[in-house]
C-alpha atoms as a PDB file:
ATOM      1  CA  MET A   1      72.757 114.714  69.234  1.00  0.00           C
ATOM      2  CA  ASN A   2      74.564 112.933  72.089  1.00  0.00           C
ATOM      3  CA  LYS A   3      76.444 114.916  74.697  1.00  0.00           C
ATOM      4  CA  LEU A   4      80.215 114.470  74.768  1.00  0.00           C
ATOM      5  CA  LEU A   5      82.043 113.460  77.963  1.00  0.00           C
ATOM      6  CA  SER A   6      85.790 114.008  78.329  1.00  0.00           C
ATOM      7  CA  LEU A   7      87.593 111.662  80.715  1.00  0.00           C
ATOM      8  CA  ILE A   8      90.954 113.138  81.776  1.00  0.00           C
ATOM      9  CA  VAL A   9      93.521 110.657  83.118  1.00  0.00           C
ATOM     10  CA  PRO A  10      96.953 111.898  84.272  1.00  0.00           C
ATOM     11  CA  VAL A  11      99.550 109.104  84.281  1.00  0.00           C
ATOM     12  CA  PHE A  12     103.082 108.836  85.640  1.00  0.00           C
ATOM     13  CA  ASN A  13     104.946 105.512  85.530  1.00  0.00           C
ATOM     14  CA  GLU A  14     101.743 103.431  85.417  1.00  0.00           C
ATOM     15  CA  GLU A  15     102.730 100.627  83.040  1.00  0.00           C
ATOM     16  CA  GLU A  16     101.669  97.942  85.553  1.00  0.00           C
ATOM     17  CA  VAL A  17      98.108  99.169  85.952  1.00  0.00           C
ATOM     18  CA  LEU A  18      97.431 100.840  82.605  1.00  0.00           C
ATOM     19  CA  PRO A  19      95.943  97.879  80.620  1.00  0.00           C
ATOM     20  CA  VAL A  20      93.419  96.979  83.339  1.00  0.00           C
ATOM     21  CA  SER A  21      92.784 100.656  84.077  1.00  0.00           C
ATOM     22  CA  TYR A  22      91.942 101.413  80.440  1.00  0.00           C
ATOM     23  CA  ALA A  23      89.654  98.367  80.190  1.00  0.00           C
ATOM     24  CA  ARG A  24      87.626  99.396  83.239  1.00  0.00           C
ATOM     25  CA  MET A  25      87.452 103.059  82.255  1.00  0.00           C
ATOM     26  CA  SER A  26      86.426 102.220  78.719  1.00  0.00           C
ATOM     27  CA  ALA A  27      83.732  99.846  79.993  1.00  0.00           C
ATOM     28  CA  ALA A  28      82.442 102.491  82.417  1.00  0.00           C
ATOM     29  CA  MET A  29      82.178 105.082  79.641  1.00  0.00           C
ATOM     30  CA  GLN A  30      80.529 102.665  77.200  1.00  0.00           C
ATOM     31  CA  ALA A  31      77.935 101.792  79.845  1.00  0.00           C
ATOM     32  CA  LEU A  32      76.688 105.405  79.772  1.00  0.00           C
ATOM     33  CA  THR A  33      73.981 105.166  77.144  1.00  0.00           C
ATOM     34  CA  GLY A  34      73.243 108.249  75.103  1.00  0.00           C
ATOM     35  CA  TYR A  35      76.722 109.784  75.439  1.00  0.00           C
ATOM     36  CA  ASP A  36      79.767 110.046  73.226  1.00  0.00           C
ATOM     37  CA  TYR A  37      83.097 110.132  75.006  1.00  0.00           C
ATOM     38  CA  GLU A  38      86.806 110.725  74.666  1.00  0.00           C
ATOM     39  CA  ILE A  39      89.569 109.594  77.000  1.00  0.00           C
ATOM     40  CA  ILE A  40      92.485 112.014  77.281  1.00  0.00           C
ATOM     41  CA  TYR A  41      95.619 110.506  78.800  1.00  0.00           C
ATOM     42  CA  VAL A  42      98.298 112.958  79.902  1.00  0.00           C
ATOM     43  CA  ASN A  43     101.690 111.278  80.249  1.00  0.00           C
ATOM     44  CA  ASP A  44     103.475 113.322  82.905  1.00  0.00           C
ATOM     45  CA  GLY A  45     107.043 112.469  81.902  1.00  0.00           C
ATOM     46  CA  SER A  46     106.883 108.724  82.645  1.00  0.00           C
ATOM     47  CA  ARG A  47     110.220 106.899  82.563  1.00  0.00           C
ATOM     48  CA  ASP A  48     108.874 103.354  82.216  1.00  0.00           C
ATOM     49  CA  GLY A  49     106.827 101.720  79.449  1.00  0.00           C
ATOM     50  CA  THR A  50     103.730 103.864  79.996  1.00  0.00           C
ATOM     51  CA  MET A  51     104.062 105.861  76.775  1.00  0.00           C
ATOM     52  CA  LYS A  52     104.621 102.716  74.707  1.00  0.00           C
ATOM     53  CA  GLN A  53     101.360 101.290  76.028  1.00  0.00           C
ATOM     54  CA  LEU A  54      99.535 104.560  75.405  1.00  0.00           C
ATOM     55  CA  ARG A  55     100.703 104.590  71.791  1.00  0.00           C
ATOM     56  CA  ALA A  56      99.333 101.074  71.315  1.00  0.00           C
ATOM     57  CA  ILE A  57      95.987 101.950  72.937  1.00  0.00           C
ATOM     58  CA  ALA A  58      95.621 105.151  70.910  1.00  0.00           C
ATOM     59  CA  LYS A  59      96.418 103.299  67.681  1.00  0.00           C
ATOM     60  CA  GLU A  60      93.565 100.832  68.250  1.00  0.00           C
ATOM     61  CA  HIS A  61      91.033 103.214  69.794  1.00  0.00           C
ATOM     62  CA  LYS A  62      90.445 106.574  68.133  1.00  0.00           C
ATOM     63  CA  GLU A  63      88.432 107.873  71.087  1.00  0.00           C
ATOM     64  CA  VAL A  64      91.691 107.802  73.068  1.00  0.00           C
ATOM     65  CA  ARG A  65      93.810 110.944  72.812  1.00  0.00           C
ATOM     66  CA  VAL A  66      97.281 111.213  74.330  1.00  0.00           C
ATOM     67  CA  ILE A  67      99.350 114.190  75.431  1.00  0.00           C
ATOM     68  CA  SER A  68     102.929 113.503  76.494  1.00  0.00           C
ATOM     69  CA  PHE A  69     105.006 116.029  78.456  1.00  0.00           C
ATOM     70  CA  SER A  70     108.704 116.616  77.805  1.00  0.00           C
ATOM     71  CA  ARG A  71     109.337 115.934  81.516  1.00  0.00           C
ATOM     72  CA  ASN A  72     107.478 115.511  84.785  1.00  0.00           C
ATOM     73  CA  PHE A  73     105.525 118.713  85.491  1.00  0.00           C
ATOM     74  CA  GLY A  74     103.282 117.322  88.242  1.00  0.00           C
ATOM     75  CA  HIS A  75      99.783 115.932  88.656  1.00  0.00           C
ATOM     76  CA  GLN A  76      97.937 119.251  88.800  1.00  0.00           C
ATOM     77  CA  LEU A  77      99.487 120.525  85.581  1.00  0.00           C
ATOM     78  CA  ALA A  78      98.824 117.185  83.867  1.00  0.00           C
ATOM     79  CA  VAL A  79      95.140 117.578  84.719  1.00  0.00           C
ATOM     80  CA  THR A  80      95.291 121.161  83.447  1.00  0.00           C
ATOM     81  CA  ALA A  81      96.696 120.002  80.087  1.00  0.00           C
ATOM     82  CA  GLY A  82      93.831 117.530  79.768  1.00  0.00           C
ATOM     83  CA  MET A  83      91.318 120.271  80.491  1.00  0.00           C
ATOM     84  CA  ASP A  84      92.981 122.580  77.953  1.00  0.00           C
ATOM     85  CA  ASN A  85      92.412 120.000  75.238  1.00  0.00           C
ATOM     86  CA  ALA A  86      89.037 118.538  76.276  1.00  0.00           C
ATOM     87  CA  ARG A  87      86.054 119.061  73.995  1.00  0.00           C
ATOM     88  CA  GLY A  88      83.289 117.614  76.168  1.00  0.00           C
ATOM     89  CA  ASP A  89      80.133 119.117  77.595  1.00  0.00           C
ATOM     90  CA  ALA A  90      81.404 117.780  80.910  1.00  0.00           C
ATOM     91  CA  LEU A  91      84.939 116.919  82.023  1.00  0.00           C
ATOM     92  CA  ILE A  92      85.698 114.030  84.383  1.00  0.00           C
ATOM     93  CA  ILE A  93      89.039 113.815  86.213  1.00  0.00           C
ATOM     94  CA  ILE A  94      90.239 110.440  87.476  1.00  0.00           C
ATOM     95  CA  ASP A  95      93.617 108.861  88.277  1.00  0.00           C
ATOM     96  CA  ALA A  96      94.827 105.732  86.509  1.00  0.00           C
ATOM     97  CA  ASP A  97      95.568 103.689  89.651  1.00  0.00           C
ATOM     98  CA  LEU A  98      91.913 102.548  90.090  1.00  0.00           C
ATOM     99  CA  GLN A  99      91.718 103.746  93.699  1.00  0.00           C
ATOM    100  CA  ASP A 100      88.833 105.902  92.509  1.00  0.00           C
ATOM    101  CA  PRO A 101      86.504 103.310  90.906  1.00  0.00           C
ATOM    102  CA  PRO A 102      85.588 104.149  87.284  1.00  0.00           C
ATOM    103  CA  GLU A 103      82.165 102.625  87.956  1.00  0.00           C
ATOM    104  CA  VAL A 104      81.331 105.683  90.105  1.00  0.00           C
ATOM    105  CA  ILE A 105      81.501 107.859  86.991  1.00  0.00           C
ATOM    106  CA  ALA A 106      77.858 106.982  86.231  1.00  0.00           C
ATOM    107  CA  GLU A 107      76.804 108.551  89.552  1.00  0.00           C
ATOM    108  CA  LEU A 108      78.800 111.714  88.799  1.00  0.00           C
ATOM    109  CA  VAL A 109      77.092 112.010  85.419  1.00  0.00           C
ATOM    110  CA  LYS A 110      73.665 111.459  86.999  1.00  0.00           C
ATOM    111  CA  ALA A 111      74.286 114.272  89.501  1.00  0.00           C
ATOM    112  CA  TRP A 112      75.369 116.521  86.620  1.00  0.00           C
ATOM    113  CA  GLU A 113      72.237 115.731  84.632  1.00  0.00           C
ATOM    114  CA  ASN A 114      70.211 116.618  87.743  1.00  0.00           C
ATOM    115  CA  GLY A 115      71.677 120.119  87.722  1.00  0.00           C
ATOM    116  CA  ALA A 116      75.005 119.971  89.580  1.00  0.00           C
ATOM    117  CA  ASP A 117      77.808 122.114  88.138  1.00  0.00           C
ATOM    118  CA  ILE A 118      80.406 120.027  89.978  1.00  0.00           C
ATOM    119  CA  ALA A 119      80.011 116.440  91.199  1.00  0.00           C
ATOM    120  CA  TYR A 120      82.941 115.320  93.347  1.00  0.00           C
ATOM    121  CA  GLY A 121      83.864 112.013  94.916  1.00  0.00           C
ATOM    122  CA  LYS A 122      83.808 111.957  98.720  1.00  0.00           C
ATOM    123  CA  ARG A 123      85.744 109.120 100.323  1.00  0.00           C
ATOM    124  CA  LEU A 124      83.884 107.156 102.983  1.00  0.00           C
ATOM    125  CA  LYS A 125      86.802 104.792 103.541  1.00  0.00           C
ATOM    126  CA  ARG A 126      90.395 104.480 102.327  1.00  0.00           C
ATOM    127  CA  GLU A 127      91.395 100.881 101.733  1.00  0.00           C
ATOM    128  CA  GLY A 128      94.979  99.608 101.453  1.00  0.00           C
ATOM    129  CA  GLU A 129      96.633 102.706 102.931  1.00  0.00           C
ATOM    130  CA  THR A 130      98.954 102.897 105.917  1.00  0.00           C
ATOM    131  CA  VAL A 131      97.866 104.300 109.264  1.00  0.00           C
ATOM    132  CA  PHE A 132     100.327 107.160 108.736  1.00  0.00           C
ATOM    133  CA  LYS A 133      98.791 108.062 105.343  1.00  0.00           C
ATOM    134  CA  LYS A 134      95.251 107.924 106.726  1.00  0.00           C
ATOM    135  CA  LEU A 135      96.165 110.009 109.786  1.00  0.00           C
ATOM    136  CA  THR A 136      98.030 112.674 107.823  1.00  0.00           C
ATOM    137  CA  ALA A 137      95.211 112.877 105.252  1.00  0.00           C
ATOM    138  CA  PHE A 138      92.617 113.228 108.030  1.00  0.00           C
ATOM    139  CA  CYS A 139      94.566 116.012 109.737  1.00  0.00           C
ATOM    140  CA  TYR A 140      95.468 117.791 106.501  1.00  0.00           C
ATOM    141  CA  TYR A 141      91.946 118.097 105.122  1.00  0.00           C
ATOM    142  CA  ARG A 142      90.680 119.490 108.391  1.00  0.00           C
ATOM    143  CA  LEU A 143      93.578 121.906 108.753  1.00  0.00           C
ATOM    144  CA  LEU A 144      93.116 123.073 105.168  1.00  0.00           C
ATOM    145  CA  ASN A 145      89.383 123.594 105.623  1.00  0.00           C
ATOM    146  CA  ALA A 146      89.970 125.509 108.861  1.00  0.00           C
ATOM    147  CA  MET A 147      92.577 127.813 107.297  1.00  0.00           C
ATOM    148  CA  SER A 148      91.045 128.303 103.853  1.00  0.00           C
ATOM    149  CA  ALA A 149      89.048 131.439 103.170  1.00  0.00           C
ATOM    150  CA  TYR A 150      86.763 129.320 100.951  1.00  0.00           C
ATOM    151  CA  PRO A 151      85.042 126.029 101.864  1.00  0.00           C
ATOM    152  CA  ILE A 152      86.924 122.936 100.641  1.00  0.00           C
ATOM    153  CA  PRO A 153      85.012 119.669 101.237  1.00  0.00           C
ATOM    154  CA  LEU A 154      86.647 117.175 103.593  1.00  0.00           C
ATOM    155  CA  ASP A 155      88.076 113.842 102.398  1.00  0.00           C
ATOM    156  CA  THR A 156      87.950 114.639  98.698  1.00  0.00           C
ATOM    157  CA  GLY A 157      90.511 114.380  95.934  1.00  0.00           C
ATOM    158  CA  ASP A 158      90.541 115.474  92.311  1.00  0.00           C
ATOM    159  CA  PHE A 159      88.096 112.733  91.243  1.00  0.00           C
ATOM    160  CA  ARG A 160      85.221 114.864  89.996  1.00  0.00           C
ATOM    161  CA  LEU A 161      83.021 115.956  87.114  1.00  0.00           C
ATOM    162  CA  LEU A 162      83.014 119.558  85.942  1.00  0.00           C
ATOM    163  CA  ASP A 163      80.411 121.160  83.719  1.00  0.00           C
ATOM    164  CA  LYS A 164      81.852 122.875  80.651  1.00  0.00           C
ATOM    165  CA  LYS A 165      81.135 126.333  82.069  1.00  0.00           C
ATOM    166  CA  VAL A 166      83.134 125.438  85.201  1.00  0.00           C
ATOM    167  CA  ALA A 167      85.995 124.094  83.101  1.00  0.00           C
ATOM    168  CA  ASP A 168      86.027 127.319  81.082  1.00  0.00           C
ATOM    169  CA  VAL A 169      86.580 129.284  84.293  1.00  0.00           C
ATOM    170  CA  PHE A 170      89.416 126.928  85.241  1.00  0.00           C
ATOM    171  CA  LEU A 171      91.107 127.659  81.931  1.00  0.00           C
ATOM    172  CA  LYS A 172      91.134 131.372  82.712  1.00  0.00           C
ATOM    173  CA  MET A 173      93.080 130.710  85.919  1.00  0.00           C
ATOM    174  CA  ARG A 174      96.688 130.203  84.816  1.00  0.00           C
ATOM    175  CA  GLU A 175      98.646 130.284  88.062  1.00  0.00           C
ATOM    176  CA  HIS A 176     101.573 127.861  88.159  1.00  0.00           C
ATOM    177  CA  ASN A 177     101.103 126.599  91.711  1.00  0.00           C
ATOM    178  CA  ARG A 178      97.714 124.993  91.168  1.00  0.00           C
ATOM    179  CA  PHE A 179      95.441 123.323  93.688  1.00  0.00           C
ATOM    180  CA  LEU A 180      92.339 122.208  91.804  1.00  0.00           C
ATOM    181  CA  ARG A 181      90.250 121.408  94.881  1.00  0.00           C
ATOM    182  CA  GLY A 182      90.829 124.893  96.244  1.00  0.00           C
ATOM    183  CA  MET A 183      90.103 126.475  92.870  1.00  0.00           C
ATOM    184  CA  SER A 184      86.773 124.630  92.760  1.00  0.00           C
ATOM    185  CA  GLY A 185      85.875 125.933  96.217  1.00  0.00           C
ATOM    186  CA  TRP A 186      86.848 129.474  95.246  1.00  0.00           C
ATOM    187  CA  MET A 187      84.493 129.442  92.228  1.00  0.00           C
ATOM    188  CA  GLY A 188      81.386 128.814  94.302  1.00  0.00           C
ATOM    189  CA  PHE A 189      79.442 126.765  91.735  1.00  0.00           C
ATOM    190  CA  ASP A 190      76.799 124.277  92.854  1.00  0.00           C
ATOM    191  CA  ALA A 191      78.770 121.184  93.966  1.00  0.00           C
ATOM    192  CA  VAL A 192      77.313 117.791  94.930  1.00  0.00           C
ATOM    193  CA  PRO A 193      79.228 115.052  96.808  1.00  0.00           C
ATOM    194  CA  ILE A 194      79.088 111.445  95.623  1.00  0.00           C
ATOM    195  CA  GLU A 195      80.178 109.082  98.400  1.00  0.00           C
ATOM    196  CA  PHE A 196      82.248 105.993  97.634  1.00  0.00           C
ATOM    197  CA  VAL A 197      84.817 103.641  99.160  1.00  0.00           C
ATOM    198  CA  ARG A 198      88.310 104.343  97.881  1.00  0.00           C
ATOM    199  CA  ASN A 199      89.971 101.119  96.762  1.00  0.00           C
ATOM    200  CA  GLU A 200      93.477  99.873  97.276  1.00  0.00           C
ATOM    201  CA  ARG A 201      95.859 100.665  94.408  1.00  0.00           C
ATOM    202  CA  PHE A 202      95.459  97.914  91.784  1.00  0.00           C
ATOM    203  CA  ALA A 203      99.197  97.616  91.001  1.00  0.00           C
ATOM    204  CA  GLY A 204     102.438  99.536  91.292  1.00  0.00           C
ATOM    205  CA  LYS A 205     103.408 102.072  93.923  1.00  0.00           C
ATOM    206  CA  THR A 206     101.947 105.457  94.743  1.00  0.00           C
ATOM    207  CA  LYS A 207     103.640 108.325  92.928  1.00  0.00           C
ATOM    208  CA  TYR A 208     102.714 110.783  95.675  1.00  0.00           C
ATOM    209  CA  THR A 209     105.808 110.756  97.865  1.00  0.00           C
ATOM    210  CA  LEU A 210     105.848 112.527 101.235  1.00  0.00           C
ATOM    211  CA  LYS A 211     107.665 115.438  99.571  1.00  0.00           C
ATOM    212  CA  LYS A 212     104.953 115.781  96.910  1.00  0.00           C
ATOM    213  CA  MET A 213     102.184 115.560  99.496  1.00  0.00           C
ATOM    214  CA  ILE A 214     103.809 118.319 101.557  1.00  0.00           C
ATOM    215  CA  ARG A 215     104.157 120.457  98.425  1.00  0.00           C
ATOM    216  CA  LEU A 216     100.496 119.937  97.565  1.00  0.00           C
ATOM    217  CA  ALA A 217      99.541 120.792 101.140  1.00  0.00           C
ATOM    218  CA  MET A 218     101.542 124.018 100.963  1.00  0.00           C
ATOM    219  CA  ASP A 219      99.916 124.903  97.614  1.00  0.00           C
ATOM    220  CA  GLY A 220      96.509 124.419  99.198  1.00  0.00           C
ATOM    221  CA  ILE A 221      97.180 126.474 102.308  1.00  0.00           C
ATOM    222  CA  ILE A 222      99.298 129.298 100.861  1.00  0.00           C
ATOM    223  CA  GLY A 223      97.316 129.523  97.627  1.00  0.00           C
ATOM    224  CA  PHE A 224      93.904 129.862  99.265  1.00  0.00           C
ATOM    225  CA  SER A 225      94.460 131.422 102.657  1.00  0.00           C
ATOM    226  CA  ASP A 226      96.174 134.435 104.180  1.00  0.00           C
ATOM    227  CA  ARG A 227      95.731 133.040 107.666  1.00  0.00           C
ATOM    228  CA  PRO A 228      99.374 131.951 108.046  1.00  0.00           C
ATOM    229  CA  LEU A 229     100.215 135.651 107.938  1.00  0.00           C
ATOM    230  CA  THR A 230      97.545 136.599 110.459  1.00  0.00           C
ATOM    231  CA  LEU A 231      98.565 133.687 112.680  1.00  0.00           C
ATOM    232  CA  CYS A 232     102.119 135.033 112.725  1.00  0.00           C
ATOM    233  CA  GLY A 233     100.789 138.438 113.705  1.00  0.00           C
ATOM    234  CA  GLY A 234      98.799 136.878 116.536  1.00  0.00           C
ATOM    235  CA  PHE A 235     101.815 134.865 117.616  1.00  0.00           C
ATOM    236  CA  GLY A 236     103.890 138.054 117.617  1.00  0.00           C
ATOM    237  CA  VAL A 237     101.340 139.798 119.842  1.00  0.00           C
ATOM    238  CA  PHE A 238     101.238 136.796 122.167  1.00  0.00           C
ATOM    239  CA  THR A 239     105.020 136.615 122.524  1.00  0.00           C
ATOM    240  CA  SER A 240     105.202 140.372 123.046  1.00  0.00           C
ATOM    241  CA  ILE A 241     102.687 140.111 125.906  1.00  0.00           C
ATOM    242  CA  ILE A 242     104.652 137.235 127.431  1.00  0.00           C
ATOM    243  CA  ALA A 243     107.873 139.225 127.095  1.00  0.00           C
ATOM    244  CA  GLY A 244     106.201 142.262 128.730  1.00  0.00           C
ATOM    245  CA  LEU A 245     104.933 140.144 131.615  1.00  0.00           C
ATOM    246  CA  GLY A 246     108.426 138.665 131.968  1.00  0.00           C
ATOM    247  CA  LEU A 247     109.907 142.149 132.165  1.00  0.00           C
ATOM    248  CA  ILE A 248     107.401 143.119 134.842  1.00  0.00           C
ATOM    249  CA  ALA A 249     108.270 139.954 136.761  1.00  0.00           C
ATOM    250  CA  LEU A 250     111.981 140.778 136.591  1.00  0.00           C
ATOM    251  CA  ILE A 251     111.336 144.296 137.856  1.00  0.00           C
ATOM    252  CA  VAL A 252     109.264 142.940 140.767  1.00  0.00           C
ATOM    253  CA  LEU A 253     111.979 140.389 141.607  1.00  0.00           C
ATOM    254  CA  ALA A 254     114.628 143.105 141.494  1.00  0.00           C
ATOM    255  CA  CYS A 255     112.550 145.319 143.814  1.00  0.00           C
ATOM    256  CA  CYS A 256     112.160 142.397 146.227  1.00  0.00           C
ATOM    257  CA  GLY A 257     115.916 141.893 146.348  1.00  0.00           C
ATOM    258  CA  VAL A 258     115.954 138.572 144.500  1.00  0.00           C
ATOM    259  CA  LYS A 259     119.223 138.164 142.615  1.00  0.00           C
ATOM    260  CA  PHE A 260     119.454 136.605 139.136  1.00  0.00           C
ATOM    261  CA  PRO A 261     122.035 136.725 136.330  1.00  0.00           C
ATOM    262  CA  ALA A 262     121.679 140.025 134.532  1.00  0.00           C
ATOM    263  CA  TRP A 263     122.459 138.481 131.135  1.00  0.00           C
ATOM    264  CA  LEU A 264     119.870 135.700 131.369  1.00  0.00           C
ATOM    265  CA  TRP A 265     116.888 137.657 130.173  1.00  0.00           C
ATOM    266  CA  ALA A 266     118.875 139.445 127.479  1.00  0.00           C
ATOM    267  CA  VAL A 267     120.110 136.194 125.946  1.00  0.00           C
ATOM    268  CA  ASP A 268     116.679 134.567 126.126  1.00  0.00           C
ATOM    269  CA  GLY A 269     115.031 137.638 124.629  1.00  0.00           C
ATOM    270  CA  VAL A 270     117.502 137.796 121.729  1.00  0.00           C
ATOM    271  CA  VAL A 271     116.936 134.119 120.928  1.00  0.00           C
ATOM    272  CA  LEU A 272     113.167 134.609 121.019  1.00  0.00           C
ATOM    273  CA  LEU A 273     113.288 137.632 118.726  1.00  0.00           C
ATOM    274  CA  GLN A 274     115.611 135.864 116.280  1.00  0.00           C
ATOM    275  CA  GLY A 275     113.266 132.884 116.135  1.00  0.00           C
ATOM    276  CA  LEU A 276     110.292 135.126 115.397  1.00  0.00           C
ATOM    277  CA  THR A 277     112.278 136.965 112.738  1.00  0.00           C
ATOM    278  CA  PHE A 278     113.194 133.752 110.937  1.00  0.00           C
ATOM    279  CA  LEU A 279     109.595 132.540 111.143  1.00  0.00           C
ATOM    280  CA  PHE A 280     108.229 135.728 109.604  1.00  0.00           C
ATOM    281  CA  LEU A 281     110.894 135.762 106.892  1.00  0.00           C
ATOM    282  CA  CYS A 282     110.110 132.141 106.013  1.00  0.00           C
ATOM    283  CA  ILE A 283     106.393 132.833 105.534  1.00  0.00           C
ATOM    284  CA  GLN A 284     106.993 136.069 103.649  1.00  0.00           C
ATOM    285  CA  GLY A 285     109.456 134.215 101.442  1.00  0.00           C
ATOM    286  CA  ALA A 286     106.850 131.586 100.571  1.00  0.00           C
ATOM    287  CA  TYR A 287     104.447 134.270  99.333  1.00  0.00           C
ATOM    288  CA  MET A 288     107.204 136.164  97.511  1.00  0.00           C
ATOM    289  CA  ASN A 289     108.368 132.967  95.790  1.00  0.00           C
ATOM    290  CA  ARG A 290     104.808 132.396  94.593  1.00  0.00           C
ATOM    291  CA  MET A 291     104.682 135.918  93.120  1.00  0.00           C
ATOM    292  CA  TYR A 292     108.080 135.339  91.486  1.00  0.00           C
ATOM    293  CA  ASP A 293     106.786 132.159  89.841  1.00  0.00           C
ATOM    294  CA  GLU A 294     103.826 134.011  88.376  1.00  0.00           C
ATOM    295  CA  LEU A 295     105.886 136.982  87.170  1.00  0.00           C
ATOM    296  CA  LYS A 296     108.159 134.711  85.097  1.00  0.00           C
ATOM    297  CA  GLN A 297     105.099 133.746  83.023  1.00  0.00           C
ATOM    298  CA  ARG A 298     106.631 130.547  81.703  1.00  0.00           C
ATOM    299  CA  PRO A 299     104.284 128.012  80.056  1.00  0.00           C
ATOM    300  CA  LEU A 300     102.547 125.739  82.549  1.00  0.00           C
ATOM    301  CA  TYR A 301     103.807 122.659  80.716  1.00  0.00           C
ATOM    302  CA  ILE A 302     105.591 121.564  77.524  1.00  0.00           C
ATOM    303  CA  VAL A 303     104.066 118.976  75.181  1.00  0.00           C
ATOM    304  CA  ALA A 304     106.529 116.645  73.453  1.00  0.00           C
ATOM    305  CA  GLU A 305     104.031 114.401  71.615  1.00  0.00           C
ATOM    306  CA  GLU A 306     100.313 114.232  70.811  1.00  0.00           C
ATOM    307  CA  LEU A 307      98.277 111.320  69.508  1.00  0.00           C
ATOM    308  CA  ASN A 308      94.822 111.377  67.845  1.00  0.00           C
ATOM    309  CA  PHE A 309      94.584 115.161  67.833  1.00  0.00           C
END
């Protein structure tokens, strides 16, 4: 009996790339001899003609299954919905924009057959991206890895293969603010990198705005590290030492007869303390907001339509 592979493809306003994307993904899956496969598209609240195209594809190809959200819930939750509904012995996550080449899927499957629990794509080069995007990505991955309590491989995205036992663990983790790369690192399963050159987007514009990238970065850092809190504590100790040395300096100057405005240090000290207070409140608020999100226990996403289920 052939093993079943589930290809999970989150989509958001991808009508320009979808026909070519499906053709290449379908060809890549058909090239894997000895495997059955399903392609699960998750429409993350697209406002263009994406869902119309998905209906047409699903009508002609029964191996294609479609989940459509009632609104945009975000990339990470779209991937989660695909995993919730996947039936495969291994799950493969890939975006529809063809920046992660579907042809690399064969290498992920080979690594899995050789014993890897997780096979993830590692980007050797990022083509077609601005200097700003490349620089921020470079800095972010290294900052995240430095601050995370668990190792998160550098220069990786969500393009990866997960063994069914890994996917089952994912499904037990139902936090709303999800960061799949961090969750993979936290699990500690055997993970193998597959290096590839990331292509330029085939068509359309990136859906990851600066705001979304910052949100994802915050999910990664706050969700998998308590170091922002310890850094604030260290910063507080540092500023307290500086303030103590400043007080000693003022006392020495006063003893030496040097005159200075009496209010100067008081005003500067109040401003410094207020700044530290706001900084601590901001970080505490971020953690409290995360707890508030989890306590509400709302569904992670809402499905408006399903095809071929």
